[in-house]
Amino acid sequence: MVQLVSTPRLTTQAPRPANRLARVLVVGGAGIVAVLFIAAVILWARYGATVFFETIASGFAACF
């Protein structure tokens, strides 16, 4: 068996783990979106579509 004489293979390093802060931000953002979605479903179930949309519209009107 012939062995090639060349530069040794460079071992590839495993990719760096994701930045911890970025992971916390993504998980936190997903948690906030989930809470808002659940709150919207609860409002819809409790008050019906008309009151739900009126509440959302008045909330936007108050902000802008």
Protein backbone atom coordinates (compact mmCIF):
# COMPACT_ATOMS: atom_id res chain seq x y z
CA MET A 1 0.00 0.00 0.00
CA VAL A 2 1.32 3.39 -0.97
CA GLN A 3 1.08 6.23 1.48
CA LEU A 4 0.94 9.71 0.03
CA VAL A 5 3.33 12.26 1.32
CA SER A 6 1.36 15.42 1.75
CA THR A 7 0.24 17.84 4.37
CA PRO A 8 -1.70 16.19 7.13
CA ARG A 9 -5.44 16.53 6.97
CA LEU A 10 -6.82 19.31 9.03
CA THR A 11 -9.42 18.11 11.43
CA THR A 12 -12.58 20.06 11.08
CA GLN A 13 -13.89 21.46 14.28
CA ALA A 14 -17.50 21.08 15.21
CA PRO A 15 -19.52 24.18 14.50
CA ARG A 16 -19.60 26.63 17.36
CA PRO A 17 -22.65 26.33 19.54
CA ALA A 18 -25.22 29.04 18.98
CA ASN A 19 -24.71 32.16 20.96
CA ARG A 20 -26.48 31.79 24.30
CA LEU A 21 -27.92 35.30 24.19
CA ALA A 22 -29.38 34.73 20.73
CA ARG A 23 -30.98 31.49 21.91
CA VAL A 24 -32.48 33.22 24.96
CA LEU A 25 -33.87 36.00 22.76
CA VAL A 26 -35.44 33.57 20.32
CA VAL A 27 -36.99 31.43 23.06
CA GLY A 28 -38.21 34.54 24.90
CA GLY A 29 -39.72 35.98 21.73
CA ALA A 30 -41.45 32.71 20.94
CA GLY A 31 -42.82 32.62 24.49
CA ILE A 32 -44.23 36.14 24.19
CA VAL A 33 -45.86 35.32 20.85
CA ALA A 34 -47.37 32.16 22.35
CA VAL A 35 -48.79 34.08 25.33
CA LEU A 36 -50.31 36.72 23.02
CA PHE A 37 -51.84 34.03 20.83
CA ILE A 38 -53.34 32.22 23.82
CA ALA A 39 -54.72 35.51 25.15
CA ALA A 40 -56.34 36.20 21.76
CA VAL A 41 -57.96 32.75 21.70
CA ILE A 42 -59.28 33.22 25.24
CA LEU A 43 -60.73 36.64 24.36
CA TRP A 44 -62.34 35.19 21.25
CA ALA A 45 -63.84 32.26 23.15
CA ARG A 46 -65.12 34.41 26.02
CA TYR A 47 -66.53 37.44 24.22
CA GLY A 48 -67.16 36.28 20.67
CA ALA A 49 -65.78 37.60 17.41
CA THR A 50 -67.51 40.99 17.39
CA VAL A 51 -66.39 42.07 20.85
CA PHE A 52 -62.94 40.60 20.21
CA PHE A 53 -62.44 42.67 17.05
CA GLU A 54 -63.85 45.80 18.74
CA THR A 55 -61.41 45.35 21.62
CA ILE A 56 -58.49 44.96 19.22
CA ALA A 57 -59.61 47.98 17.15
CA SER A 58 -59.97 50.19 20.23
CA GLY A 59 -56.55 49.06 21.42
CA PHE A 60 -54.97 50.10 18.11
CA ALA A 61 -56.89 53.39 18.19
CA ALA A 62 -55.56 54.11 21.68
CA CYS A 63 -51.98 53.44 20.58
CA PHE A 64 -52.05 55.56 17.43
